[in-house]
Amino acid sequence: MAGERHPDDAAAVVAGGGDASDVEAILAELSGPVLELSRVVAALRRQLTGDRIDLRAVEAAMRRVVASHPEAIAANLAGALPIIARARHGRRITFSRDLSRACAEGGVTARRISDQPEEWRIGHLTIAVQRAADRATVRYARLPVVNGVACEASAVIRACRTAAQRLHRRSHAPDDLWNELFAAYGTLAGDDAMGTRVAINDLIAELGRRRGRYPRVQLAYDLGRLIRERRLVRDGVRIDLGVATGHVGGKKRRLLWLEDASGAGQYHETFRLIAAPSAM
């Protein structure tokens, strides 16, 4: 976005041309007997060929070596660490531009949906950003899927890919999910209690008992998949979700947020199976 510049552009701006000069300066500081850092040096050299590396991981590796061999190599790292810190700060400063550009190159759109707190939307995922803490969280349906992501465009994109793959991999096909919902609902409401509302929390617990583990975010994804694929009705039976009423602030732990592609949605508190209109 326009106006995102650090006062000292030559040292801090790491997107585009600034990356190469920063990495060259870091490599110059590491040009002594630091064989323990060979992997770090190799990673930095990869950046010179176009790869964007995780500077937070590089910094952590450097600090571990400093702690292990303080006298032998501290002098070699003394100049590199400040450059790393400035480069990481620069990436946070240019995060908006870098993320928008990287997503555009990948054929997807990064949309900033909130400034305070800063949040972005990529596909069905929301990214909550804390620049001061150099941390981002990838969420689905307002629930965390990947935590502790570096506040850098490449790291966020990788985390989004991981989150999407994780949710899809753990998801059951619509027919399989329907079978599970029928069984779980029958246990909670009774086999002859069609139309009885059961708490979302109880449904999640029962599904978890049957699966071994069933995170709340996975039910949100699986129900969202049924909605997207227009599979809320089967064999004359329809899924009906009860919208939470009143102030939800104190009871969010008992609710489930379901949203559309834009991120708009509602909290739901109950689940039931009812006769579909066409079967009545």
C-alpha atoms as a PDB file:
ATOM      1  CA  MET A   1       0.000   0.000   0.000  1.00  0.00           C
ATOM      2  CA  ALA A   2       1.095   3.553  -0.656  1.00  0.00           C
ATOM      3  CA  GLY A   3       3.145   5.217   2.040  1.00  0.00           C
ATOM      4  CA  GLU A   4       4.592   2.018   3.564  1.00  0.00           C
ATOM      5  CA  ARG A   5       8.246   3.066   3.910  1.00  0.00           C
ATOM      6  CA  HIS A   6      10.768   2.902   6.704  1.00  0.00           C
ATOM      7  CA  PRO A   7      12.640   6.171   7.388  1.00  0.00           C
ATOM      8  CA  ASP A   8      15.906   4.475   6.425  1.00  0.00           C
ATOM      9  CA  ASP A   9      14.870   2.857   3.136  1.00  0.00           C
ATOM     10  CA  ALA A  10      18.391   1.778   2.141  1.00  0.00           C
ATOM     11  CA  ALA A  11      18.729  -0.405   5.229  1.00  0.00           C
ATOM     12  CA  ALA A  12      15.155  -1.443   5.925  1.00  0.00           C
ATOM     13  CA  VAL A  13      13.197  -1.999   2.721  1.00  0.00           C
ATOM     14  CA  VAL A  14      13.723  -5.642   1.868  1.00  0.00           C
ATOM     15  CA  ALA A  15      11.185  -6.141  -0.899  1.00  0.00           C
ATOM     16  CA  GLY A  16      12.501  -5.905  -4.431  1.00  0.00           C
ATOM     17  CA  GLY A  17      16.012  -4.513  -4.818  1.00  0.00           C
ATOM     18  CA  GLY A  18      16.553  -4.028  -1.093  1.00  0.00           C
ATOM     19  CA  ASP A  19      16.739  -7.763  -0.417  1.00  0.00           C
ATOM     20  CA  ALA A  20      19.933  -8.390  -2.361  1.00  0.00           C
ATOM     21  CA  SER A  21      21.939  -5.633  -0.689  1.00  0.00           C
ATOM     22  CA  ASP A  22      20.872  -6.725   2.784  1.00  0.00           C
ATOM     23  CA  VAL A  23      21.763 -10.355   2.117  1.00  0.00           C
ATOM     24  CA  GLU A  24      25.144  -9.391   0.635  1.00  0.00           C
ATOM     25  CA  ALA A  25      25.895  -7.370   3.770  1.00  0.00           C
ATOM     26  CA  ILE A  26      24.929 -10.290   5.987  1.00  0.00           C
ATOM     27  CA  LEU A  27      27.145 -12.677   4.012  1.00  0.00           C
ATOM     28  CA  ALA A  28      30.058 -10.245   4.318  1.00  0.00           C
ATOM     29  CA  GLU A  29      29.702 -10.320   8.113  1.00  0.00           C
ATOM     30  CA  LEU A  30      29.685 -14.140   8.057  1.00  0.00           C
ATOM     31  CA  SER A  31      32.834 -14.495   5.938  1.00  0.00           C
ATOM     32  CA  GLY A  32      34.937 -15.833   8.834  1.00  0.00           C
ATOM     33  CA  PRO A  33      35.391 -19.276  10.401  1.00  0.00           C
ATOM     34  CA  VAL A  34      31.707 -20.019  10.994  1.00  0.00           C
ATOM     35  CA  LEU A  35      31.355 -23.503   9.580  1.00  0.00           C
ATOM     36  CA  GLU A  36      28.531 -24.193  12.018  1.00  0.00           C
ATOM     37  CA  LEU A  37      26.478 -21.684  10.048  1.00  0.00           C
ATOM     38  CA  SER A  38      26.943 -23.319   6.663  1.00  0.00           C
ATOM     39  CA  ARG A  39      23.231 -24.052   6.342  1.00  0.00           C
ATOM     40  CA  VAL A  40      22.366 -20.478   7.181  1.00  0.00           C
ATOM     41  CA  VAL A  41      24.859 -19.151   4.651  1.00  0.00           C
ATOM     42  CA  ALA A  42      23.476 -21.532   2.002  1.00  0.00           C
ATOM     43  CA  ALA A  43      19.948 -20.303   2.723  1.00  0.00           C
ATOM     44  CA  LEU A  44      21.030 -16.686   2.401  1.00  0.00           C
ATOM     45  CA  ARG A  45      22.725 -17.449  -0.897  1.00  0.00           C
ATOM     46  CA  ARG A  46      19.493 -19.039  -2.141  1.00  0.00           C
ATOM     47  CA  GLN A  47      17.770 -15.732  -1.574  1.00  0.00           C
ATOM     48  CA  LEU A  48      20.207 -14.098  -3.990  1.00  0.00           C
ATOM     49  CA  THR A  49      18.843 -16.441  -6.683  1.00  0.00           C
ATOM     50  CA  GLY A  50      15.274 -15.346  -6.041  1.00  0.00           C
ATOM     51  CA  ASP A  51      14.022 -17.462  -3.125  1.00  0.00           C
ATOM     52  CA  ARG A  52      12.518 -15.571  -0.192  1.00  0.00           C
ATOM     53  CA  ILE A  53      13.737 -17.260   2.975  1.00  0.00           C
ATOM     54  CA  ASP A  54      12.424 -17.192   6.525  1.00  0.00           C
ATOM     55  CA  LEU A  55      14.574 -14.524   8.177  1.00  0.00           C
ATOM     56  CA  ARG A  56      13.158 -15.382  11.595  1.00  0.00           C
ATOM     57  CA  ALA A  57      14.514 -18.924  11.301  1.00  0.00           C
ATOM     58  CA  VAL A  58      17.891 -17.582  10.136  1.00  0.00           C
ATOM     59  CA  GLU A  59      18.065 -15.245  13.116  1.00  0.00           C
ATOM     60  CA  ALA A  60      17.145 -18.047  15.530  1.00  0.00           C
ATOM     61  CA  ALA A  61      19.889 -20.290  14.076  1.00  0.00           C
ATOM     62  CA  MET A  62      22.447 -17.513  14.439  1.00  0.00           C
ATOM     63  CA  ARG A  63      21.515 -16.911  18.062  1.00  0.00           C
ATOM     64  CA  ARG A  64      21.814 -20.614  18.873  1.00  0.00           C
ATOM     65  CA  VAL A  65      25.342 -20.682  17.468  1.00  0.00           C
ATOM     66  CA  VAL A  66      26.283 -17.536  19.372  1.00  0.00           C
ATOM     67  CA  ALA A  67      25.106 -19.167  22.598  1.00  0.00           C
ATOM     68  CA  SER A  68      27.135 -22.332  21.886  1.00  0.00           C
ATOM     69  CA  HIS A  69      30.372 -20.641  20.716  1.00  0.00           C
ATOM     70  CA  PRO A  70      30.286 -17.104  22.084  1.00  0.00           C
ATOM     71  CA  GLU A  71      33.980 -16.267  21.908  1.00  0.00           C
ATOM     72  CA  ALA A  72      34.860 -17.915  18.605  1.00  0.00           C
ATOM     73  CA  ILE A  73      32.185 -16.460  16.397  1.00  0.00           C
ATOM     74  CA  ALA A  74      30.444 -13.654  18.250  1.00  0.00           C
ATOM     75  CA  ALA A  75      32.515 -11.089  16.370  1.00  0.00           C
ATOM     76  CA  ASN A  76      31.506 -12.557  13.027  1.00  0.00           C
ATOM     77  CA  LEU A  77      27.814 -12.358  13.920  1.00  0.00           C
ATOM     78  CA  ALA A  78      27.855  -9.014  15.676  1.00  0.00           C
ATOM     79  CA  GLY A  79      27.375  -7.130  12.419  1.00  0.00           C
ATOM     80  CA  ALA A  80      25.009  -9.615  10.789  1.00  0.00           C
ATOM     81  CA  LEU A  81      22.339  -9.720  13.501  1.00  0.00           C
ATOM     82  CA  PRO A  82      21.487  -6.001  13.336  1.00  0.00           C
ATOM     83  CA  ILE A  83      21.130  -6.280   9.555  1.00  0.00           C
ATOM     84  CA  ILE A  84      18.821  -9.270  10.007  1.00  0.00           C
ATOM     85  CA  ALA A  85      16.764  -7.305  12.528  1.00  0.00           C
ATOM     86  CA  ARG A  86      16.486  -4.321  10.171  1.00  0.00           C
ATOM     87  CA  ALA A  87      15.574  -6.590   7.267  1.00  0.00           C
ATOM     88  CA  ARG A  88      12.850  -8.312   9.286  1.00  0.00           C
ATOM     89  CA  HIS A  89      11.504  -4.944  10.360  1.00  0.00           C
ATOM     90  CA  GLY A  90      11.526  -3.845   6.740  1.00  0.00           C
ATOM     91  CA  ARG A  91       9.517  -6.876   5.703  1.00  0.00           C
ATOM     92  CA  ARG A  92       6.934  -6.067   8.348  1.00  0.00           C
ATOM     93  CA  ILE A  93       6.784  -2.495   7.047  1.00  0.00           C
ATOM     94  CA  THR A  94       6.235  -3.676   3.459  1.00  0.00           C
ATOM     95  CA  PHE A  95       4.036  -6.646   4.397  1.00  0.00           C
ATOM     96  CA  SER A  96       0.881  -5.296   2.727  1.00  0.00           C
ATOM     97  CA  ARG A  97       2.595  -4.656  -0.585  1.00  0.00           C
ATOM     98  CA  ASP A  98       4.525  -7.934  -0.531  1.00  0.00           C
ATOM     99  CA  LEU A  99       1.440 -10.020   0.307  1.00  0.00           C
ATOM    100  CA  SER A 100      -0.725  -8.394  -2.356  1.00  0.00           C
ATOM    101  CA  ARG A 101       2.009  -8.826  -4.955  1.00  0.00           C
ATOM    102  CA  ALA A 102       2.773 -12.453  -4.053  1.00  0.00           C
ATOM    103  CA  CYS A 103      -0.904 -13.420  -4.104  1.00  0.00           C
ATOM    104  CA  ALA A 104      -1.440 -11.687  -7.444  1.00  0.00           C
ATOM    105  CA  GLU A 105       1.485 -13.626  -8.893  1.00  0.00           C
ATOM    106  CA  GLY A 106      -0.155 -16.831  -7.645  1.00  0.00           C
ATOM    107  CA  GLY A 107      -3.516 -15.930  -9.161  1.00  0.00           C
ATOM    108  CA  VAL A 108      -5.332 -15.268  -5.881  1.00  0.00           C
ATOM    109  CA  THR A 109      -6.472 -12.087  -4.151  1.00  0.00           C
ATOM    110  CA  ALA A 110      -5.353 -10.851  -0.741  1.00  0.00           C
ATOM    111  CA  ARG A 111      -8.016  -8.523   0.629  1.00  0.00           C
ATOM    112  CA  ARG A 112      -7.488  -6.388   3.717  1.00  0.00           C
ATOM    113  CA  ILE A 113     -10.740  -6.580   5.662  1.00  0.00           C
ATOM    114  CA  SER A 114      -9.770  -4.811   8.882  1.00  0.00           C
ATOM    115  CA  ASP A 115      -7.152  -2.316  10.065  1.00  0.00           C
ATOM    116  CA  GLN A 116      -7.561  -2.585  13.850  1.00  0.00           C
ATOM    117  CA  PRO A 117      -6.935  -5.422  14.381  1.00  0.00           C
ATOM    118  CA  GLU A 118      -5.228  -5.997  11.039  1.00  0.00           C
ATOM    119  CA  GLU A 119      -6.853  -8.857   9.167  1.00  0.00           C
ATOM    120  CA  TRP A 120      -6.570 -10.154   5.608  1.00  0.00           C
ATOM    121  CA  ARG A 121      -8.734 -12.514   3.613  1.00  0.00           C
ATOM    122  CA  ILE A 122      -7.246 -15.067   1.200  1.00  0.00           C
ATOM    123  CA  GLY A 123      -9.810 -17.471  -0.195  1.00  0.00           C
ATOM    124  CA  HIS A 124     -11.775 -18.948   2.714  1.00  0.00           C
ATOM    125  CA  LEU A 125      -8.999 -18.136   5.200  1.00  0.00           C
ATOM    126  CA  THR A 126      -8.461 -15.092   7.408  1.00  0.00           C
ATOM    127  CA  ILE A 127      -4.995 -13.932   8.456  1.00  0.00           C
ATOM    128  CA  ALA A 128      -4.779 -12.029  11.743  1.00  0.00           C
ATOM    129  CA  VAL A 129      -1.586  -9.945  11.755  1.00  0.00           C
ATOM    130  CA  GLN A 130       0.354  -8.537  14.702  1.00  0.00           C
ATOM    131  CA  ARG A 131       3.228  -6.648  13.108  1.00  0.00           C
ATOM    132  CA  ALA A 132       4.773  -5.414  16.357  1.00  0.00           C
ATOM    133  CA  ALA A 133       5.048  -9.019  17.592  1.00  0.00           C
ATOM    134  CA  ASP A 134       6.165 -10.298  14.153  1.00  0.00           C
ATOM    135  CA  ARG A 135       3.371 -12.841  14.295  1.00  0.00           C
ATOM    136  CA  ALA A 136       0.390 -13.859  12.192  1.00  0.00           C
ATOM    137  CA  THR A 137      -2.319 -16.487  12.658  1.00  0.00           C
ATOM    138  CA  VAL A 138      -4.185 -18.254   9.868  1.00  0.00           C
ATOM    139  CA  ARG A 139      -7.826 -18.812  10.804  1.00  0.00           C
ATOM    140  CA  TYR A 140     -10.872 -20.498   9.393  1.00  0.00           C
ATOM    141  CA  ALA A 141     -14.322 -19.546  10.725  1.00  0.00           C
ATOM    142  CA  ARG A 142     -12.635 -17.316  13.351  1.00  0.00           C
ATOM    143  CA  LEU A 143     -10.723 -20.298  14.737  1.00  0.00           C
ATOM    144  CA  PRO A 144      -6.929 -20.768  14.511  1.00  0.00           C
ATOM    145  CA  VAL A 145      -5.557 -23.352  12.107  1.00  0.00           C
ATOM    146  CA  VAL A 146      -1.868 -22.330  11.935  1.00  0.00           C
ATOM    147  CA  ASN A 147      -0.288 -20.231  14.699  1.00  0.00           C
ATOM    148  CA  GLY A 148       3.034 -18.459  15.095  1.00  0.00           C
ATOM    149  CA  VAL A 149       3.552 -17.501  11.447  1.00  0.00           C
ATOM    150  CA  ALA A 150       6.267 -14.944  10.683  1.00  0.00           C
ATOM    151  CA  CYS A 151       4.887 -11.598   9.541  1.00  0.00           C
ATOM    152  CA  GLU A 152       6.273 -12.042   6.030  1.00  0.00           C
ATOM    153  CA  ALA A 153       4.350 -12.561   2.812  1.00  0.00           C
ATOM    154  CA  SER A 154       6.067 -15.822   1.829  1.00  0.00           C
ATOM    155  CA  ALA A 155       5.580 -17.323   5.304  1.00  0.00           C
ATOM    156  CA  VAL A 156       1.899 -16.350   5.349  1.00  0.00           C
ATOM    157  CA  ILE A 157       1.287 -17.877   1.930  1.00  0.00           C
ATOM    158  CA  ARG A 158       2.968 -21.116   2.994  1.00  0.00           C
ATOM    159  CA  ALA A 159       0.876 -21.174   6.168  1.00  0.00           C
ATOM    160  CA  CYS A 160      -2.328 -20.623   4.172  1.00  0.00           C
ATOM    161  CA  ARG A 161      -1.411 -23.527   1.933  1.00  0.00           C
ATOM    162  CA  THR A 162      -0.741 -25.692   4.993  1.00  0.00           C
ATOM    163  CA  ALA A 163      -4.044 -24.688   6.608  1.00  0.00           C
ATOM    164  CA  ALA A 164      -6.076 -25.410   3.478  1.00  0.00           C
ATOM    165  CA  GLN A 165      -4.405 -28.784   2.981  1.00  0.00           C
ATOM    166  CA  ARG A 166      -4.856 -29.721   6.641  1.00  0.00           C
ATOM    167  CA  LEU A 167      -8.561 -28.896   6.685  1.00  0.00           C
ATOM    168  CA  HIS A 168      -9.229 -30.675   3.392  1.00  0.00           C
ATOM    169  CA  ARG A 169      -7.176 -33.729   4.355  1.00  0.00           C
ATOM    170  CA  ARG A 170      -9.108 -34.179   7.609  1.00  0.00           C
ATOM    171  CA  SER A 171     -12.469 -33.544   5.986  1.00  0.00           C
ATOM    172  CA  HIS A 172     -14.834 -36.426   5.281  1.00  0.00           C
ATOM    173  CA  ALA A 173     -16.710 -36.685   1.997  1.00  0.00           C
ATOM    174  CA  PRO A 174     -20.302 -35.365   2.212  1.00  0.00           C
ATOM    175  CA  ASP A 175     -21.951 -38.808   2.291  1.00  0.00           C
ATOM    176  CA  ASP A 176     -19.536 -40.049   4.966  1.00  0.00           C
ATOM    177  CA  LEU A 177     -20.103 -36.902   7.004  1.00  0.00           C
ATOM    178  CA  TRP A 178     -23.871 -37.325   6.729  1.00  0.00           C
ATOM    179  CA  ASN A 179     -23.567 -40.882   8.084  1.00  0.00           C
ATOM    180  CA  GLU A 180     -21.558 -39.594  11.034  1.00  0.00           C
ATOM    181  CA  LEU A 181     -24.011 -36.767  11.703  1.00  0.00           C
ATOM    182  CA  PHE A 182     -26.971 -39.181  11.600  1.00  0.00           C
ATOM    183  CA  ALA A 183     -25.290 -41.491  14.089  1.00  0.00           C
ATOM    184  CA  ALA A 184     -24.135 -38.729  16.434  1.00  0.00           C
ATOM    185  CA  TYR A 185     -27.509 -36.976  16.311  1.00  0.00           C
ATOM    186  CA  GLY A 186     -29.316 -40.227  17.021  1.00  0.00           C
ATOM    187  CA  THR A 187     -27.204 -40.760  20.120  1.00  0.00           C
ATOM    188  CA  LEU A 188     -27.807 -37.234  21.410  1.00  0.00           C
ATOM    189  CA  ALA A 189     -31.461 -36.750  20.494  1.00  0.00           C
ATOM    190  CA  GLY A 190     -32.746 -40.312  20.415  1.00  0.00           C
ATOM    191  CA  ASP A 191     -33.545 -42.317  17.309  1.00  0.00           C
ATOM    192  CA  ASP A 192     -37.180 -41.130  17.217  1.00  0.00           C
ATOM    193  CA  ALA A 193     -36.517 -37.513  18.148  1.00  0.00           C
ATOM    194  CA  MET A 194     -36.323 -35.931  14.686  1.00  0.00           C
ATOM    195  CA  GLY A 195     -36.416 -32.169  15.107  1.00  0.00           C
ATOM    196  CA  THR A 196     -34.951 -32.084  18.607  1.00  0.00           C
ATOM    197  CA  ARG A 197     -32.265 -29.438  18.934  1.00  0.00           C
ATOM    198  CA  VAL A 198     -28.912 -30.496  20.371  1.00  0.00           C
ATOM    199  CA  ALA A 199     -26.088 -28.199  21.426  1.00  0.00           C
ATOM    200  CA  ILE A 200     -23.261 -27.713  18.926  1.00  0.00           C
ATOM    201  CA  ASN A 201     -20.813 -28.412  21.766  1.00  0.00           C
ATOM    202  CA  ASP A 202     -22.440 -31.776  22.433  1.00  0.00           C
ATOM    203  CA  LEU A 203     -22.380 -32.655  18.738  1.00  0.00           C
ATOM    204  CA  ILE A 204     -18.655 -31.853  18.517  1.00  0.00           C
ATOM    205  CA  ALA A 205     -17.965 -33.974  21.596  1.00  0.00           C
ATOM    206  CA  GLU A 206     -19.928 -36.930  20.200  1.00  0.00           C
ATOM    207  CA  LEU A 207     -18.235 -36.700  16.800  1.00  0.00           C
ATOM    208  CA  GLY A 208     -14.887 -36.521  18.585  1.00  0.00           C
ATOM    209  CA  ARG A 209     -15.743 -39.639  20.585  1.00  0.00           C
ATOM    210  CA  ARG A 210     -16.467 -41.473  17.340  1.00  0.00           C
ATOM    211  CA  ARG A 211     -13.490 -40.128  15.388  1.00  0.00           C
ATOM    212  CA  GLY A 212     -10.990 -40.016  18.208  1.00  0.00           C
ATOM    213  CA  ARG A 213     -10.555 -36.261  17.758  1.00  0.00           C
ATOM    214  CA  TYR A 214     -12.726 -33.695  16.038  1.00  0.00           C
ATOM    215  CA  PRO A 215     -11.663 -30.042  16.441  1.00  0.00           C
ATOM    216  CA  ARG A 216     -14.325 -27.348  16.376  1.00  0.00           C
ATOM    217  CA  VAL A 217     -12.682 -25.756  13.326  1.00  0.00           C
ATOM    218  CA  GLN A 218     -13.040 -29.039  11.426  1.00  0.00           C
ATOM    219  CA  LEU A 219     -16.805 -29.147  11.968  1.00  0.00           C
ATOM    220  CA  ALA A 220     -17.005 -25.552  10.740  1.00  0.00           C
ATOM    221  CA  TYR A 221     -15.076 -26.543   7.618  1.00  0.00           C
ATOM    222  CA  ASP A 222     -17.091 -29.721   7.030  1.00  0.00           C
ATOM    223  CA  LEU A 223     -20.455 -27.984   7.420  1.00  0.00           C
ATOM    224  CA  GLY A 224     -19.192 -25.158   5.240  1.00  0.00           C
ATOM    225  CA  ARG A 225     -18.283 -27.760   2.633  1.00  0.00           C
ATOM    226  CA  LEU A 226     -21.822 -29.178   2.740  1.00  0.00           C
ATOM    227  CA  ILE A 227     -23.203 -25.664   2.251  1.00  0.00           C
ATOM    228  CA  ARG A 228     -20.829 -24.888  -0.642  1.00  0.00           C
ATOM    229  CA  GLU A 229     -21.642 -28.200  -2.331  1.00  0.00           C
ATOM    230  CA  ARG A 230     -25.389 -27.819  -1.680  1.00  0.00           C
ATOM    231  CA  ARG A 231     -25.543 -31.023   0.323  1.00  0.00           C
ATOM    232  CA  LEU A 232     -27.596 -29.927   3.347  1.00  0.00           C
ATOM    233  CA  VAL A 233     -30.438 -32.247   2.281  1.00  0.00           C
ATOM    234  CA  ARG A 234     -30.246 -36.026   1.887  1.00  0.00           C
ATOM    235  CA  ASP A 235     -32.924 -38.690   1.713  1.00  0.00           C
ATOM    236  CA  GLY A 236     -35.661 -36.215   2.619  1.00  0.00           C
ATOM    237  CA  VAL A 237     -33.811 -34.949   5.703  1.00  0.00           C
ATOM    238  CA  ARG A 238     -32.349 -31.492   6.099  1.00  0.00           C
ATOM    239  CA  ILE A 239     -29.677 -30.080   8.431  1.00  0.00           C
ATOM    240  CA  ASP A 240     -31.005 -27.123  10.401  1.00  0.00           C
ATOM    241  CA  LEU A 241     -28.632 -24.944  12.411  1.00  0.00           C
ATOM    242  CA  GLY A 242     -29.984 -22.733  15.169  1.00  0.00           C
ATOM    243  CA  VAL A 243     -28.610 -19.178  15.093  1.00  0.00           C
ATOM    244  CA  ALA A 244     -27.276 -17.891  18.419  1.00  0.00           C
ATOM    245  CA  THR A 245     -29.376 -15.080  19.855  1.00  0.00           C
ATOM    246  CA  GLY A 246     -28.599 -12.261  22.243  1.00  0.00           C
ATOM    247  CA  HIS A 247     -25.103 -11.181  23.206  1.00  0.00           C
ATOM    248  CA  VAL A 248     -22.629 -13.910  22.148  1.00  0.00           C
ATOM    249  CA  GLY A 249     -19.476 -12.456  23.700  1.00  0.00           C
ATOM    250  CA  GLY A 250     -19.525 -14.602  26.820  1.00  0.00           C
ATOM    251  CA  LYS A 251     -20.518 -17.860  25.142  1.00  0.00           C
ATOM    252  CA  LYS A 252     -18.416 -18.039  21.976  1.00  0.00           C
ATOM    253  CA  ARG A 253     -16.784 -21.230  23.238  1.00  0.00           C
ATOM    254  CA  ARG A 254     -20.165 -22.940  22.909  1.00  0.00           C
ATOM    255  CA  LEU A 255     -20.938 -21.560  19.440  1.00  0.00           C
ATOM    256  CA  LEU A 256     -19.842 -22.262  15.889  1.00  0.00           C
ATOM    257  CA  TRP A 257     -19.241 -19.510  13.338  1.00  0.00           C
ATOM    258  CA  LEU A 258     -20.201 -20.362   9.768  1.00  0.00           C
ATOM    259  CA  GLU A 259     -19.298 -17.951   7.012  1.00  0.00           C
ATOM    260  CA  ASP A 260     -19.490 -17.444   3.264  1.00  0.00           C
ATOM    261  CA  ALA A 261     -16.588 -16.793   0.896  1.00  0.00           C
ATOM    262  CA  SER A 262     -16.453 -13.125   1.902  1.00  0.00           C
ATOM    263  CA  GLY A 263     -16.135 -13.929   5.596  1.00  0.00           C
ATOM    264  CA  ALA A 264     -19.638 -12.753   6.510  1.00  0.00           C
ATOM    265  CA  GLY A 265     -21.612 -15.183   8.635  1.00  0.00           C
ATOM    266  CA  GLN A 266     -23.364 -15.986  11.905  1.00  0.00           C
ATOM    267  CA  TYR A 267     -22.761 -17.837  15.139  1.00  0.00           C
ATOM    268  CA  HIS A 268     -24.786 -21.031  15.592  1.00  0.00           C
ATOM    269  CA  GLU A 269     -25.656 -22.718  18.854  1.00  0.00           C
ATOM    270  CA  THR A 270     -27.757 -25.768  18.006  1.00  0.00           C
ATOM    271  CA  PHE A 271     -28.029 -28.551  15.438  1.00  0.00           C
ATOM    272  CA  ARG A 272     -30.994 -30.673  14.412  1.00  0.00           C
ATOM    273  CA  LEU A 273     -32.259 -32.848  11.574  1.00  0.00           C
ATOM    274  CA  ILE A 274     -35.704 -32.089  10.177  1.00  0.00           C
ATOM    275  CA  ALA A 275     -37.876 -33.276   7.310  1.00  0.00           C
ATOM    276  CA  ALA A 276     -37.002 -31.434   4.117  1.00  0.00           C
ATOM    277  CA  PRO A 277     -39.898 -29.360   2.648  1.00  0.00           C
ATOM    278  CA  SER A 278     -40.162 -31.558  -0.433  1.00  0.00           C
ATOM    279  CA  ALA A 279     -40.690 -34.621   1.789  1.00  0.00           C
ATOM    280  CA  MET A 280     -43.465 -33.063   3.908  1.00  0.00           C
END
